[in-house]
Amino acid sequence: MKEDGFDVSMVKLCRWFGVARRSVYYTPRKAVPKVKPELAAPIEAMIEAEPSFGYRTVAGLLGMNKNTVQRIFQIKGWQVRKRAVGKRPRIEALPS
């Protein structure tokens, strides 16, 4: 628009398009975390063989650092779901 001779402010442009000014100036801070394939391949093979293994078990069996294995689990979405504990009914004492 500037080449055509129209000088429109950023505020007006944002109003026209229904976009917040804050989102126009936004720049992402961090890059997307990357996983080295040579680290992820043995972990993935072990998970396919035994899907119930968590990151601690996999790290122990592979001899890798557990923090590295946990980070790979989280990035790839392989984190094992924690079992729900739930509430149990209170045990009543039987009369003796």
Protein backbone atom coordinates (compact mmCIF):
# COMPACT_ATOMS: atom_id res chain seq x y z
CA MET A 1 0.00 0.00 0.00
CA LYS A 2 2.91 2.29 0.63
CA GLU A 3 3.98 1.98 -3.03
CA ASP A 4 0.51 3.15 -4.12
CA GLY A 5 0.82 6.32 -2.05
CA PHE A 6 -1.31 5.18 0.90
CA ASP A 7 0.29 5.43 4.32
CA VAL A 8 -1.81 3.40 6.75
CA SER A 9 -0.87 3.07 10.39
CA MET A 10 -0.29 -0.30 12.00
CA VAL A 11 -3.21 0.32 14.39
CA LYS A 12 -5.67 0.76 11.51
CA LEU A 13 -4.36 -2.27 9.65
CA CYS A 14 -4.74 -4.43 12.75
CA ARG A 15 -8.29 -3.17 13.30
CA TRP A 16 -9.24 -3.90 9.68
CA PHE A 17 -7.97 -7.46 9.82
CA GLY A 18 -9.13 -8.10 13.39
CA VAL A 19 -5.66 -8.94 14.66
CA ALA A 20 -4.17 -7.83 17.96
CA ARG A 21 -1.17 -5.53 17.60
CA ARG A 22 0.73 -7.66 20.06
CA SER A 23 0.56 -10.66 17.73
CA VAL A 24 1.93 -8.61 14.81
CA TYR A 25 5.15 -7.87 16.65
CA TYR A 26 5.46 -11.35 18.18
CA THR A 27 8.65 -13.30 17.49
CA PRO A 28 9.13 -16.82 18.88
CA ARG A 29 11.90 -17.06 21.46
CA LYS A 30 12.97 -20.70 21.30
CA ALA A 31 13.51 -23.09 18.44
CA VAL A 32 11.60 -26.35 18.29
CA PRO A 33 13.47 -29.00 20.30
CA LYS A 34 15.21 -31.55 18.11
CA VAL A 35 15.98 -35.16 18.89
CA LYS A 36 19.04 -36.94 17.56
CA PRO A 37 17.90 -40.00 15.59
CA GLU A 38 20.77 -42.14 16.90
CA LEU A 39 19.43 -41.62 20.44
CA ALA A 40 15.74 -42.04 19.60
CA ALA A 41 16.04 -45.23 17.50
CA PRO A 42 16.94 -47.70 20.29
CA ILE A 43 14.37 -46.11 22.61
CA GLU A 44 11.64 -46.46 20.00
CA ALA A 45 12.57 -50.09 19.35
CA MET A 46 12.32 -50.88 23.05
CA ILE A 47 8.96 -49.11 23.39
CA GLU A 48 7.54 -51.05 20.44
CA ALA A 49 8.66 -54.30 22.07
CA GLU A 50 7.36 -53.37 25.54
CA PRO A 51 4.96 -50.37 25.49
CA SER A 52 4.45 -50.39 29.27
CA PHE A 53 8.07 -49.45 29.98
CA GLY A 54 8.58 -45.95 31.33
CA TYR A 55 11.59 -43.73 30.84
CA ARG A 56 13.38 -45.02 33.96
CA THR A 57 13.15 -48.66 32.88
CA VAL A 58 14.24 -47.86 29.32
CA ALA A 59 17.16 -45.76 30.57
CA GLY A 60 18.29 -48.54 32.89
CA LEU A 61 18.10 -51.26 30.25
CA LEU A 62 19.83 -49.19 27.56
CA GLY A 63 22.44 -47.71 29.91
CA MET A 64 21.52 -44.15 28.94
CA ASN A 65 21.06 -41.05 31.06
CA LYS A 66 17.49 -40.98 32.41
CA ASN A 67 17.13 -37.23 31.81
CA THR A 68 17.96 -37.67 28.13
CA VAL A 69 15.50 -40.55 27.81
CA GLN A 70 12.77 -38.59 29.60
CA ARG A 71 13.30 -35.56 27.33
CA ILE A 72 13.02 -37.77 24.24
CA PHE A 73 9.86 -39.40 25.67
CA GLN A 74 8.27 -35.98 26.22
CA ILE A 75 9.21 -34.53 22.83
CA LYS A 76 8.07 -37.59 20.88
CA GLY A 77 4.87 -38.02 22.95
CA TRP A 78 5.79 -41.49 24.24
CA GLN A 79 5.25 -40.67 27.92
CA VAL A 80 3.46 -43.54 29.65
CA ARG A 81 0.17 -42.46 31.21
CA LYS A 82 0.11 -42.51 34.98
CA ARG A 83 -2.44 -44.89 36.41
CA ALA A 84 -5.39 -43.15 38.06
CA VAL A 85 -5.49 -43.88 41.79
CA GLY A 86 -9.12 -42.97 42.41
CA LYS A 87 -10.96 -43.09 45.71
CA ARG A 88 -11.63 -46.36 47.42
CA PRO A 89 -14.47 -46.90 49.86
CA ARG A 90 -13.46 -46.87 53.49
CA ILE A 91 -13.10 -50.28 55.08
CA GLU A 92 -15.53 -50.84 57.91
CA ALA A 93 -14.54 -52.94 60.88
CA LEU A 94 -16.60 -56.07 61.38
CA PRO A 95 -18.11 -56.61 64.82
CA SER A 96 -16.26 -59.27 66.75
